[in-house]
Structures are given as C-alpha cells and as structure tokens.
Amino acid sequence: MWQFYLRVLAYKEGTTQAVEDAMHLITLAEITARWPALQGALTTRTEGETGLAVLTPHTGDDVSWAKALRRTGMDSSAHTDACTDLRALLATADGPAVADLAQRLF
C-alpha cells in the first residue's frame, strides 16, 4: 500500500519522492490498514486540513486531543480504542510529517 501511495504522490507532484517521504508513507499505510473505519474522518478535510492533520498536533495533551476528536467526528465510544492507538502511533512516528503527506496525498 505504501508503494501505491508513493507512486500517487510522485504522479501528483511530478517528482521522485525522497526516502523520508517513503518512510512516512509506510506509517500512513499502516494507519490505513489498521483503522479502515477511521479513513473517512482521517482523510476528510475540515477547514482545509485532513482529519489526520487536525489530530496530529494534539497528541501530547488530553484536552486538546479530545477537542480534535470532536472536530473530526471521531469522538464516539465506538472509536475509543482505535483513536487511543492512533494517538500513540502519531506521537512516536513523526506524526507531523505523516500528516503533511496525508495533506499532499488526499
């Protein structure tokens, strides 16, 4: 999946993608594969930002994370476990770079 994303990004931007982009695309592909039910909210734009970009800056603060979840529509109890795991991944896997790639890709 990450290779597909890499090709799409290269096509959209008309460039060859860097190794750093490929590494972050692997994380984005992991998010897609692990939490397919969240994809609609993560790729939908809210005020010009994907849901992933809305969430990423708030991984370090419980209150702002909860507000970001509400803003993206992922604040239901059905998404609690997935969002907890997503938060942990974004906090440790260079979430801002992953979110930037999602902005460029979606």
PDB file of N, CA and C in Angstrom:
ATOM      1  N   MET A   1       0.822  -1.185   0.000  1.00  0.00           N
ATOM      2  CA  MET A   1       0.000   0.000   0.000  1.00  0.00           C
ATOM      3  C   MET A   1       0.872   1.257   0.000  1.00  0.00           C
ATOM      4  N   TRP A   2       1.955   1.228   0.775  1.00  0.00           N
ATOM      5  CA  TRP A   2       2.797   2.430   0.838  1.00  0.00           C
ATOM      6  C   TRP A   2       3.439   2.719  -0.512  1.00  0.00           C
ATOM      7  N   GLN A   3       3.747   1.672  -1.261  1.00  0.00           N
ATOM      8  CA  GLN A   3       4.326   1.896  -2.584  1.00  0.00           C
ATOM      9  C   GLN A   3       3.306   2.533  -3.520  1.00  0.00           C
ATOM     10  N   PHE A   4       2.054   2.128  -3.392  1.00  0.00           N
ATOM     11  CA  PHE A   4       0.993   2.756  -4.174  1.00  0.00           C
ATOM     12  C   PHE A   4       0.909   4.234  -3.830  1.00  0.00           C
ATOM     13  N   TYR A   5       0.886   4.560  -2.531  1.00  0.00           N
ATOM     14  CA  TYR A   5       0.837   5.961  -2.109  1.00  0.00           C
ATOM     15  C   TYR A   5       2.042   6.735  -2.643  1.00  0.00           C
ATOM     16  N   LEU A   6       3.200   6.114  -2.629  1.00  0.00           N
ATOM     17  CA  LEU A   6       4.410   6.766  -3.130  1.00  0.00           C
ATOM     18  C   LEU A   6       4.260   7.110  -4.617  1.00  0.00           C
ATOM     19  N   ARG A   7       3.718   6.182  -5.379  1.00  0.00           N
ATOM     20  CA  ARG A   7       3.521   6.438  -6.806  1.00  0.00           C
ATOM     21  C   ARG A   7       2.487   7.527  -7.058  1.00  0.00           C
ATOM     22  N   VAL A   8       1.402   7.505  -6.289  1.00  0.00           N
ATOM     23  CA  VAL A   8       0.376   8.538  -6.444  1.00  0.00           C
ATOM     24  C   VAL A   8       0.958   9.907  -6.121  1.00  0.00           C
ATOM     25  N   LEU A   9       1.704   9.993  -5.024  1.00  0.00           N
ATOM     26  CA  LEU A   9       2.304  11.258  -4.627  1.00  0.00           C
ATOM     27  C   LEU A   9       3.295  11.751  -5.685  1.00  0.00           C
ATOM     28  N   ALA A  10       4.111  10.857  -6.202  1.00  0.00           N
ATOM     29  CA  ALA A  10       5.065  11.234  -7.248  1.00  0.00           C
ATOM     30  C   ALA A  10       4.332  11.720  -8.494  1.00  0.00           C
ATOM     31  N   TYR A  11       3.241  11.053  -8.840  1.00  0.00           N
ATOM     32  CA  TYR A  11       2.452  11.475 -10.002  1.00  0.00           C
ATOM     33  C   TYR A  11       1.827  12.853  -9.777  1.00  0.00           C
ATOM     34  N   LYS A  12       1.215  13.044  -8.608  1.00  0.00           N
ATOM     35  CA  LYS A  12       0.554  14.313  -8.317  1.00  0.00           C
ATOM     36  C   LYS A  12       1.527  15.477  -8.296  1.00  0.00           C
ATOM     37  N   GLU A  13       2.710  15.249  -7.749  1.00  0.00           N
ATOM     38  CA  GLU A  13       3.679  16.331  -7.596  1.00  0.00           C
ATOM     39  C   GLU A  13       4.693  16.384  -8.723  1.00  0.00           C
ATOM     40  N   GLY A  14       4.676  15.396  -9.606  1.00  0.00           N
ATOM     41  CA  GLY A  14       5.582  15.394 -10.745  1.00  0.00           C
ATOM     42  C   GLY A  14       7.040  15.261 -10.367  1.00  0.00           C
ATOM     43  N   THR A  15       7.308  14.586  -9.263  1.00  0.00           N
ATOM     44  CA  THR A  15       8.683  14.429  -8.798  1.00  0.00           C
ATOM     45  C   THR A  15       8.922  12.999  -8.341  1.00  0.00           C
ATOM     46  N   THR A  16      10.171  12.694  -8.119  1.00  0.00           N
ATOM     47  CA  THR A  16      10.528  11.448  -7.466  1.00  0.00           C
ATOM     48  C   THR A  16      10.560  11.731  -5.963  1.00  0.00           C
ATOM     49  N   GLN A  17       9.942  10.881  -5.200  1.00  0.00           N
ATOM     50  CA  GLN A  17       9.827  11.131  -3.766  1.00  0.00           C
ATOM     51  C   GLN A  17      11.099  10.717  -3.019  1.00  0.00           C
ATOM     52  N   ALA A  18      11.358  11.409  -1.953  1.00  0.00           N
ATOM     53  CA  ALA A  18      12.538  11.157  -1.133  1.00  0.00           C
ATOM     54  C   ALA A  18      12.332   9.934  -0.236  1.00  0.00           C
ATOM     55  N   VAL A  19      13.439   9.408   0.254  1.00  0.00           N
ATOM     56  CA  VAL A  19      13.391   8.269   1.168  1.00  0.00           C
ATOM     57  C   VAL A  19      12.583   8.620   2.409  1.00  0.00           C
ATOM     58  N   GLU A  20      12.713   9.854   2.892  1.00  0.00           N
ATOM     59  CA  GLU A  20      11.968  10.272   4.083  1.00  0.00           C
ATOM     60  C   GLU A  20      10.464  10.191   3.831  1.00  0.00           C
ATOM     61  N   ASP A  21      10.032  10.613   2.648  1.00  0.00           N
ATOM     62  CA  ASP A  21       8.616  10.501   2.305  1.00  0.00           C
ATOM     63  C   ASP A  21       8.183   9.047   2.307  1.00  0.00           C
ATOM     64  N   ALA A  22       9.012   8.177   1.766  1.00  0.00           N
ATOM     65  CA  ALA A  22       8.671   6.754   1.717  1.00  0.00           C
ATOM     66  C   ALA A  22       8.507   6.190   3.119  1.00  0.00           C
ATOM     67  N   MET A  23       9.374   6.593   4.033  1.00  0.00           N
ATOM     68  CA  MET A  23       9.257   6.103   5.411  1.00  0.00           C
ATOM     69  C   MET A  23       7.957   6.576   6.048  1.00  0.00           C
ATOM     70  N   HIS A  24       7.583   7.811   5.802  1.00  0.00           N
ATOM     71  CA  HIS A  24       6.348   8.330   6.377  1.00  0.00           C
ATOM     72  C   HIS A  24       5.119   7.740   5.686  1.00  0.00           C
ATOM     73  N   LEU A  25       5.262   7.406   4.412  1.00  0.00           N
ATOM     74  CA  LEU A  25       4.163   6.750   3.716  1.00  0.00           C
ATOM     75  C   LEU A  25       3.905   5.356   4.262  1.00  0.00           C
ATOM     76  N   ILE A  26       4.938   4.699   4.741  1.00  0.00           N
ATOM     77  CA  ILE A  26       4.751   3.398   5.388  1.00  0.00           C
ATOM     78  C   ILE A  26       3.862   3.568   6.617  1.00  0.00           C
ATOM     79  N   THR A  27       4.101   4.609   7.393  1.00  0.00           N
ATOM     80  CA  THR A  27       3.266   4.874   8.567  1.00  0.00           C
ATOM     81  C   THR A  27       1.841   5.204   8.141  1.00  0.00           C
ATOM     82  N   LEU A  28       1.683   5.985   7.092  1.00  0.00           N
ATOM     83  CA  LEU A  28       0.350   6.315   6.596  1.00  0.00           C
ATOM     84  C   LEU A  28      -0.367   5.059   6.114  1.00  0.00           C
ATOM     85  N   ALA A  29       0.347   4.177   5.439  1.00  0.00           N
ATOM     86  CA  ALA A  29      -0.245   2.909   5.004  1.00  0.00           C
ATOM     87  C   ALA A  29      -0.638   2.056   6.206  1.00  0.00           C
ATOM     88  N   GLU A  30       0.159   2.083   7.255  1.00  0.00           N
ATOM     89  CA  GLU A  30      -0.186   1.349   8.480  1.00  0.00           C
ATOM     90  C   GLU A  30      -1.485   1.882   9.074  1.00  0.00           C
ATOM     91  N   ILE A  31      -1.624   3.191   9.097  1.00  0.00           N
ATOM     92  CA  ILE A  31      -2.854   3.807   9.621  1.00  0.00           C
ATOM     93  C   ILE A  31      -4.050   3.360   8.792  1.00  0.00           C
ATOM     94  N   THR A  32      -3.890   3.345   7.473  1.00  0.00           N
ATOM     95  CA  THR A  32      -4.970   2.924   6.587  1.00  0.00           C
ATOM     96  C   THR A  32      -5.340   1.468   6.820  1.00  0.00           C
ATOM     97  N   ALA A  33      -4.338   0.613   6.960  1.00  0.00           N
ATOM     98  CA  ALA A  33      -4.586  -0.820   7.127  1.00  0.00           C
ATOM     99  C   ALA A  33      -5.122  -1.163   8.515  1.00  0.00           C
ATOM    100  N   ARG A  34      -4.617  -0.506   9.547  1.00  0.00           N
ATOM    101  CA  ARG A  34      -5.030  -0.843  10.918  1.00  0.00           C
ATOM    102  C   ARG A  34      -6.395  -0.299  11.291  1.00  0.00           C
ATOM    103  N   TRP A  35      -6.751   0.865  10.739  1.00  0.00           N
ATOM    104  CA  TRP A  35      -8.007   1.510  11.148  1.00  0.00           C
ATOM    105  C   TRP A  35      -8.836   1.923   9.934  1.00  0.00           C
ATOM    106  N   PRO A  36      -9.296   0.948   9.159  1.00  0.00           N
ATOM    107  CA  PRO A  36     -10.068   1.300   7.958  1.00  0.00           C
ATOM    108  C   PRO A  36     -11.354   2.063   8.285  1.00  0.00           C
ATOM    109  N   ALA A  37     -11.938   1.812   9.425  1.00  0.00           N
ATOM    110  CA  ALA A  37     -13.181   2.503   9.795  1.00  0.00           C
ATOM    111  C   ALA A  37     -12.963   3.993  10.043  1.00  0.00           C
ATOM    112  N   LEU A  38     -11.736   4.405  10.304  1.00  0.00           N
ATOM    113  CA  LEU A  38     -11.442   5.813  10.568  1.00  0.00           C
ATOM    114  C   LEU A  38     -11.071   6.592   9.306  1.00  0.00           C
ATOM    115  N   GLN A  39     -10.891   5.904   8.194  1.00  0.00           N
ATOM    116  CA  GLN A  39     -10.354   6.553   6.997  1.00  0.00           C
ATOM    117  C   GLN A  39     -11.202   7.713   6.506  1.00  0.00           C
ATOM    118  N   GLY A  40     -12.504   7.584   6.568  1.00  0.00           N
ATOM    119  CA  GLY A  40     -13.358   8.686   6.126  1.00  0.00           C
ATOM    120  C   GLY A  40     -13.064   9.957   6.900  1.00  0.00           C
ATOM    121  N   ALA A  41     -12.987   9.836   8.219  1.00  0.00           N
ATOM    122  CA  ALA A  41     -12.730  11.005   9.062  1.00  0.00           C
ATOM    123  C   ALA A  41     -11.285  11.486   8.949  1.00  0.00           C
ATOM    124  N   LEU A  42     -10.352  10.584   8.743  1.00  0.00           N
ATOM    125  CA  LEU A  42      -8.941  10.970   8.674  1.00  0.00           C
ATOM    126  C   LEU A  42      -8.577  11.658   7.355  1.00  0.00           C
ATOM    127  N   THR A  43      -9.308  11.362   6.298  1.00  0.00           N
ATOM    128  CA  THR A  43      -8.974  11.945   5.001  1.00  0.00           C
ATOM    129  C   THR A  43      -9.902  13.098   4.605  1.00  0.00           C
ATOM    130  N   THR A  44     -11.021  13.236   5.305  1.00  0.00           N
ATOM    131  CA  THR A  44     -11.935  14.350   5.022  1.00  0.00           C
ATOM    132  C   THR A  44     -11.322  15.642   5.529  1.00  0.00           C
ATOM    133  N   ARG A  45     -11.472  16.679   4.743  1.00  0.00           N
ATOM    134  CA  ARG A  45     -10.904  17.979   5.119  1.00  0.00           C
ATOM    135  C   ARG A  45     -11.890  18.787   5.949  1.00  0.00           C
ATOM    136  N   THR A  46     -11.370  19.359   7.022  1.00  0.00           N
ATOM    137  CA  THR A  46     -12.107  20.275   7.884  1.00  0.00           C
ATOM    138  C   THR A  46     -11.335  21.576   7.877  1.00  0.00           C
ATOM    139  N   GLU A  47     -11.945  22.616   7.360  1.00  0.00           N
ATOM    140  CA  GLU A  47     -11.277  23.914   7.244  1.00  0.00           C
ATOM    141  C   GLU A  47      -9.921  23.783   6.538  1.00  0.00           C
ATOM    142  N   GLY A  48      -9.894  22.975   5.486  1.00  0.00           N
ATOM    143  CA  GLY A  48      -8.699  22.831   4.670  1.00  0.00           C
ATOM    144  C   GLY A  48      -7.684  21.811   5.144  1.00  0.00           C
ATOM    145  N   GLU A  49      -7.933  21.174   6.282  1.00  0.00           N
ATOM    146  CA  GLU A  49      -6.991  20.187   6.805  1.00  0.00           C
ATOM    147  C   GLU A  49      -7.642  18.810   6.850  1.00  0.00           C
ATOM    148  N   THR A  50      -6.851  17.783   6.537  1.00  0.00           N
ATOM    149  CA  THR A  50      -7.366  16.434   6.708  1.00  0.00           C
ATOM    150  C   THR A  50      -7.559  16.175   8.200  1.00  0.00           C
ATOM    151  N   GLY A  51      -8.396  15.206   8.504  1.00  0.00           N
ATOM    152  CA  GLY A  51      -8.611  14.835   9.904  1.00  0.00           C
ATOM    153  C   GLY A  51      -7.307  14.455  10.587  1.00  0.00           C
ATOM    154  N   LEU A  52      -6.431  13.813   9.853  1.00  0.00           N
ATOM    155  CA  LEU A  52      -5.127  13.438  10.413  1.00  0.00           C
ATOM    156  C   LEU A  52      -4.324  14.675  10.792  1.00  0.00           C
ATOM    157  N   ALA A  53      -4.367  15.692   9.951  1.00  0.00           N
ATOM    158  CA  ALA A  53      -3.652  16.938  10.249  1.00  0.00           C
ATOM    159  C   ALA A  53      -4.281  17.670  11.433  1.00  0.00           C
ATOM    160  N   VAL A  54      -5.580  17.539  11.598  1.00  0.00           N
ATOM    161  CA  VAL A  54      -6.260  18.152  12.745  1.00  0.00           C
ATOM    162  C   VAL A  54      -5.813  17.477  14.040  1.00  0.00           C
ATOM    163  N   LEU A  55      -5.691  16.165  14.024  1.00  0.00           N
ATOM    164  CA  LEU A  55      -5.366  15.408  15.239  1.00  0.00           C
ATOM    165  C   LEU A  55      -3.896  15.505  15.656  1.00  0.00           C
ATOM    166  N   THR A  56      -3.011  15.443  14.700  1.00  0.00           N
ATOM    167  CA  THR A  56      -1.582  15.272  14.977  1.00  0.00           C
ATOM    168  C   THR A  56      -0.975  16.258  15.969  1.00  0.00           C
ATOM    169  N   PRO A  57      -1.266  17.543  15.908  1.00  0.00           N
ATOM    170  CA  PRO A  57      -0.616  18.463  16.851  1.00  0.00           C
ATOM    171  C   PRO A  57      -1.081  18.302  18.305  1.00  0.00           C
ATOM    172  N   HIS A  58      -2.084  17.477  18.528  1.00  0.00           N
ATOM    173  CA  HIS A  58      -2.689  17.398  19.859  1.00  0.00           C
ATOM    174  C   HIS A  58      -2.421  16.088  20.587  1.00  0.00           C
ATOM    175  N   THR A  59      -1.452  15.318  20.125  1.00  0.00           N
ATOM    176  CA  THR A  59      -1.201  14.013  20.749  1.00  0.00           C
ATOM    177  C   THR A  59      -0.660  14.125  22.167  1.00  0.00           C
ATOM    178  N   GLY A  60      -0.071  15.244  22.524  1.00  0.00           N
ATOM    179  CA  GLY A  60       0.549  15.394  23.837  1.00  0.00           C
ATOM    180  C   GLY A  60      -0.340  15.960  24.923  1.00  0.00           C
ATOM    181  N   ASP A  61      -1.596  16.293  24.604  1.00  0.00           N
ATOM    182  CA  ASP A  61      -2.470  16.924  25.591  1.00  0.00           C
ATOM    183  C   ASP A  61      -3.863  16.306  25.515  1.00  0.00           C
ATOM    184  N   ASP A  62      -4.343  15.769  26.635  1.00  0.00           N
ATOM    185  CA  ASP A  62      -5.627  15.073  26.663  1.00  0.00           C
ATOM    186  C   ASP A  62      -6.806  15.963  26.270  1.00  0.00           C
ATOM    187  N   VAL A  63      -6.832  17.176  26.766  1.00  0.00           N
ATOM    188  CA  VAL A  63      -7.965  18.065  26.490  1.00  0.00           C
ATOM    189  C   VAL A  63      -7.997  18.469  25.015  1.00  0.00           C
ATOM    190  N   SER A  64      -6.860  18.883  24.485  1.00  0.00           N
ATOM    191  CA  SER A  64      -6.843  19.288  23.074  1.00  0.00           C
ATOM    192  C   SER A  64      -7.063  18.082  22.157  1.00  0.00           C
ATOM    193  N   TRP A  65      -6.602  16.897  22.559  1.00  0.00           N
ATOM    194  CA  TRP A  65      -6.863  15.678  21.780  1.00  0.00           C
ATOM    195  C   TRP A  65      -8.370  15.414  21.722  1.00  0.00           C
ATOM    196  N   ALA A  66      -9.041  15.529  22.847  1.00  0.00           N
ATOM    197  CA  ALA A  66     -10.496  15.310  22.884  1.00  0.00           C
ATOM    198  C   ALA A  66     -11.221  16.324  21.996  1.00  0.00           C
ATOM    199  N   LYS A  67     -10.776  17.567  22.016  1.00  0.00           N
ATOM    200  CA  LYS A  67     -11.395  18.593  21.166  1.00  0.00           C
ATOM    201  C   LYS A  67     -11.156  18.284  19.687  1.00  0.00           C
ATOM    202  N   ALA A  68      -9.954  17.833  19.359  1.00  0.00           N
ATOM    203  CA  ALA A  68      -9.639  17.492  17.966  1.00  0.00           C
ATOM    204  C   ALA A  68     -10.467  16.286  17.511  1.00  0.00           C
ATOM    205  N   LEU A  69     -10.670  15.320  18.388  1.00  0.00           N
ATOM    206  CA  LEU A  69     -11.521  14.177  18.046  1.00  0.00           C
ATOM    207  C   LEU A  69     -12.947  14.633  17.753  1.00  0.00           C
ATOM    208  N   ARG A  70     -13.453  15.539  18.570  1.00  0.00           N
ATOM    209  CA  ARG A  70     -14.802  16.086  18.328  1.00  0.00           C
ATOM    210  C   ARG A  70     -14.860  16.802  16.984  1.00  0.00           C
ATOM    211  N   ARG A  71     -13.836  17.575  16.711  1.00  0.00           N
ATOM    212  CA  ARG A  71     -13.787  18.350  15.457  1.00  0.00           C
ATOM    213  C   ARG A  71     -13.798  17.445  14.228  1.00  0.00           C
ATOM    214  N   THR A  72     -13.195  16.272  14.335  1.00  0.00           N
ATOM    215  CA  THR A  72     -13.136  15.335  13.212  1.00  0.00           C
ATOM    216  C   THR A  72     -14.283  14.329  13.220  1.00  0.00           C
ATOM    217  N   GLY A  73     -15.094  14.345  14.269  1.00  0.00           N
ATOM    218  CA  GLY A  73     -16.211  13.416  14.351  1.00  0.00           C
ATOM    219  C   GLY A  73     -15.839  12.027  14.827  1.00  0.00           C
ATOM    220  N   MET A  74     -14.675  11.894  15.437  1.00  0.00           N
ATOM    221  CA  MET A  74     -14.233  10.586  15.915  1.00  0.00           C
ATOM    222  C   MET A  74     -14.313  10.462  17.429  1.00  0.00           C
ATOM    223  N   ASP A  75     -15.231  11.187  18.032  1.00  0.00           N
ATOM    224  CA  ASP A  75     -15.318  11.202  19.486  1.00  0.00           C
ATOM    225  C   ASP A  75     -16.328  10.214  20.053  1.00  0.00           C
ATOM    226  N   SER A  76     -16.864   9.314  19.231  1.00  0.00           N
ATOM    227  CA  SER A  76     -17.812   8.331  19.752  1.00  0.00           C
ATOM    228  C   SER A  76     -17.070   7.205  20.463  1.00  0.00           C
ATOM    229  N   SER A  77     -17.772   6.546  21.351  1.00  0.00           N
ATOM    230  CA  SER A  77     -17.152   5.453  22.108  1.00  0.00           C
ATOM    231  C   SER A  77     -16.747   4.296  21.197  1.00  0.00           C
ATOM    232  N   ALA A  78     -17.368   4.182  20.040  1.00  0.00           N
ATOM    233  CA  ALA A  78     -17.012   3.121  19.088  1.00  0.00           C
ATOM    234  C   ALA A  78     -15.581   3.268  18.577  1.00  0.00           C
ATOM    235  N   HIS A  79     -15.041   4.480  18.634  1.00  0.00           N
ATOM    236  CA  HIS A  79     -13.698   4.733  18.112  1.00  0.00           C
ATOM    237  C   HIS A  79     -12.638   4.878  19.207  1.00  0.00           C
ATOM    238  N   THR A  80     -13.015   4.706  20.451  1.00  0.00           N
ATOM    239  CA  THR A  80     -12.096   4.979  21.561  1.00  0.00           C
ATOM    240  C   THR A  80     -10.794   4.192  21.466  1.00  0.00           C
ATOM    241  N   ASP A  81     -10.881   2.880  21.324  1.00  0.00           N
ATOM    242  CA  ASP A  81      -9.662   2.064  21.289  1.00  0.00           C
ATOM    243  C   ASP A  81      -8.792   2.399  20.080  1.00  0.00           C
ATOM    244  N   ALA A  82      -9.413   2.538  18.919  1.00  0.00           N
ATOM    245  CA  ALA A  82      -8.650   2.851  17.708  1.00  0.00           C
ATOM    246  C   ALA A  82      -7.973   4.211  17.832  1.00  0.00           C
ATOM    247  N   CYS A  83      -8.687   5.195  18.366  1.00  0.00           N
ATOM    248  CA  CYS A  83      -8.112   6.537  18.497  1.00  0.00           C
ATOM    249  C   CYS A  83      -6.998   6.584  19.533  1.00  0.00           C
ATOM    250  N   THR A  84      -7.106   5.773  20.562  1.00  0.00           N
ATOM    251  CA  THR A  84      -6.036   5.691  21.556  1.00  0.00           C
ATOM    252  C   THR A  84      -4.765   5.148  20.907  1.00  0.00           C
ATOM    253  N   ASP A  85      -4.916   4.085  20.129  1.00  0.00           N
ATOM    254  CA  ASP A  85      -3.758   3.506  19.444  1.00  0.00           C
ATOM    255  C   ASP A  85      -3.216   4.444  18.359  1.00  0.00           C
ATOM    256  N   LEU A  86      -4.111   5.112  17.642  1.00  0.00           N
ATOM    257  CA  LEU A  86      -3.685   6.083  16.630  1.00  0.00           C
ATOM    258  C   LEU A  86      -2.886   7.212  17.270  1.00  0.00           C
ATOM    259  N   ARG A  87      -3.346   7.681  18.402  1.00  0.00           N
ATOM    260  CA  ARG A  87      -2.643   8.757  19.117  1.00  0.00           C
ATOM    261  C   ARG A  87      -1.229   8.329  19.484  1.00  0.00           C
ATOM    262  N   ALA A  88      -1.093   7.123  19.988  1.00  0.00           N
ATOM    263  CA  ALA A  88       0.233   6.619  20.359  1.00  0.00           C
ATOM    264  C   ALA A  88       1.144   6.519  19.137  1.00  0.00           C
ATOM    265  N   LEU A  89       0.617   6.060  18.026  1.00  0.00           N
ATOM    266  CA  LEU A  89       1.425   5.949  16.814  1.00  0.00           C
ATOM    267  C   LEU A  89       1.856   7.328  16.323  1.00  0.00           C
ATOM    268  N   LEU A  90       0.927   8.274  16.276  1.00  0.00           N
ATOM    269  CA  LEU A  90       1.262   9.623  15.801  1.00  0.00           C
ATOM    270  C   LEU A  90       2.287  10.309  16.699  1.00  0.00           C
ATOM    271  N   ALA A  91       2.234  10.007  17.990  1.00  0.00           N
ATOM    272  CA  ALA A  91       3.163  10.627  18.934  1.00  0.00           C
ATOM    273  C   ALA A  91       4.583  10.089  18.779  1.00  0.00           C
ATOM    274  N   THR A  92       4.717   8.872  18.241  1.00  0.00           N
ATOM    275  CA  THR A  92       6.043   8.264  18.161  1.00  0.00           C
ATOM    276  C   THR A  92       6.586   8.132  16.743  1.00  0.00           C
ATOM    277  N   ALA A  93       5.759   8.329  15.732  1.00  0.00           N
ATOM    278  CA  ALA A  93       6.176   8.066  14.345  1.00  0.00           C
ATOM    279  C   ALA A  93       6.227   9.339  13.506  1.00  0.00           C
ATOM    280  N   ASP A  94       6.703  10.424  14.081  1.00  0.00           N
ATOM    281  CA  ASP A  94       6.796  11.695  13.358  1.00  0.00           C
ATOM    282  C   ASP A  94       5.457  12.059  12.726  1.00  0.00           C
ATOM    283  N   GLY A  95       4.453  12.143  13.601  1.00  0.00           N
ATOM    284  CA  GLY A  95       3.098  12.461  13.185  1.00  0.00           C
ATOM    285  C   GLY A  95       2.964  13.674  12.282  1.00  0.00           C
ATOM    286  N   PRO A  96       3.661  14.785  12.571  1.00  0.00           N
ATOM    287  CA  PRO A  96       3.531  15.946  11.688  1.00  0.00           C
ATOM    288  C   PRO A  96       3.941  15.659  10.234  1.00  0.00           C
ATOM    289  N   ALA A  97       4.990  14.896  10.042  1.00  0.00           N
ATOM    290  CA  ALA A  97       5.420  14.565   8.676  1.00  0.00           C
ATOM    291  C   ALA A  97       4.410  13.640   8.003  1.00  0.00           C
ATOM    292  N   VAL A  98       3.852  12.713   8.755  1.00  0.00           N
ATOM    293  CA  VAL A  98       2.836  11.805   8.220  1.00  0.00           C
ATOM    294  C   VAL A  98       1.593  12.601   7.839  1.00  0.00           C
ATOM    295  N   ALA A  99       1.175  13.518   8.711  1.00  0.00           N
ATOM    296  CA  ALA A  99       0.001  14.349   8.430  1.00  0.00           C
ATOM    297  C   ALA A  99       0.239  15.244   7.212  1.00  0.00           C
ATOM    298  N   ASP A 100       1.458  15.762   7.083  1.00  0.00           N
ATOM    299  CA  ASP A 100       1.786  16.571   5.909  1.00  0.00           C
ATOM    300  C   ASP A 100       1.649  15.761   4.622  1.00  0.00           C
ATOM    301  N   LEU A 101       2.114  14.521   4.647  1.00  0.00           N
ATOM    302  CA  LEU A 101       1.973  13.666   3.469  1.00  0.00           C
ATOM    303  C   LEU A 101       0.508  13.389   3.173  1.00  0.00           C
ATOM    304  N   ALA A 102      -0.286  13.195   4.213  1.00  0.00           N
ATOM    305  CA  ALA A 102      -1.730  12.967   4.001  1.00  0.00           C
ATOM    306  C   ALA A 102      -2.365  14.194   3.354  1.00  0.00           C
ATOM    307  N   GLN A 103      -1.932  15.383   3.797  1.00  0.00           N
ATOM    308  CA  GLN A 103      -2.438  16.615   3.188  1.00  0.00           C
ATOM    309  C   GLN A 103      -2.118  16.643   1.697  1.00  0.00           C
ATOM    310  N   ARG A 104      -0.904  16.254   1.357  1.00  0.00           N
ATOM    311  CA  ARG A 104      -0.468  16.277  -0.033  1.00  0.00           C
ATOM    312  C   ARG A 104      -1.139  15.175  -0.863  1.00  0.00           C
ATOM    313  N   LEU A 105      -1.397  14.052  -0.242  1.00  0.00           N
ATOM    314  CA  LEU A 105      -1.915  12.886  -0.949  1.00  0.00           C
ATOM    315  C   LEU A 105      -3.436  12.937  -1.104  1.00  0.00           C
ATOM    316  N   PHE A 106      -4.115  13.325  -0.044  1.00  0.00           N
ATOM    317  CA  PHE A 106      -5.582  13.305  -0.074  1.00  0.00           C
ATOM    318  C   PHE A 106      -6.086  14.683  -0.318  1.00  0.00           C
TER     319      PHE A 106
END
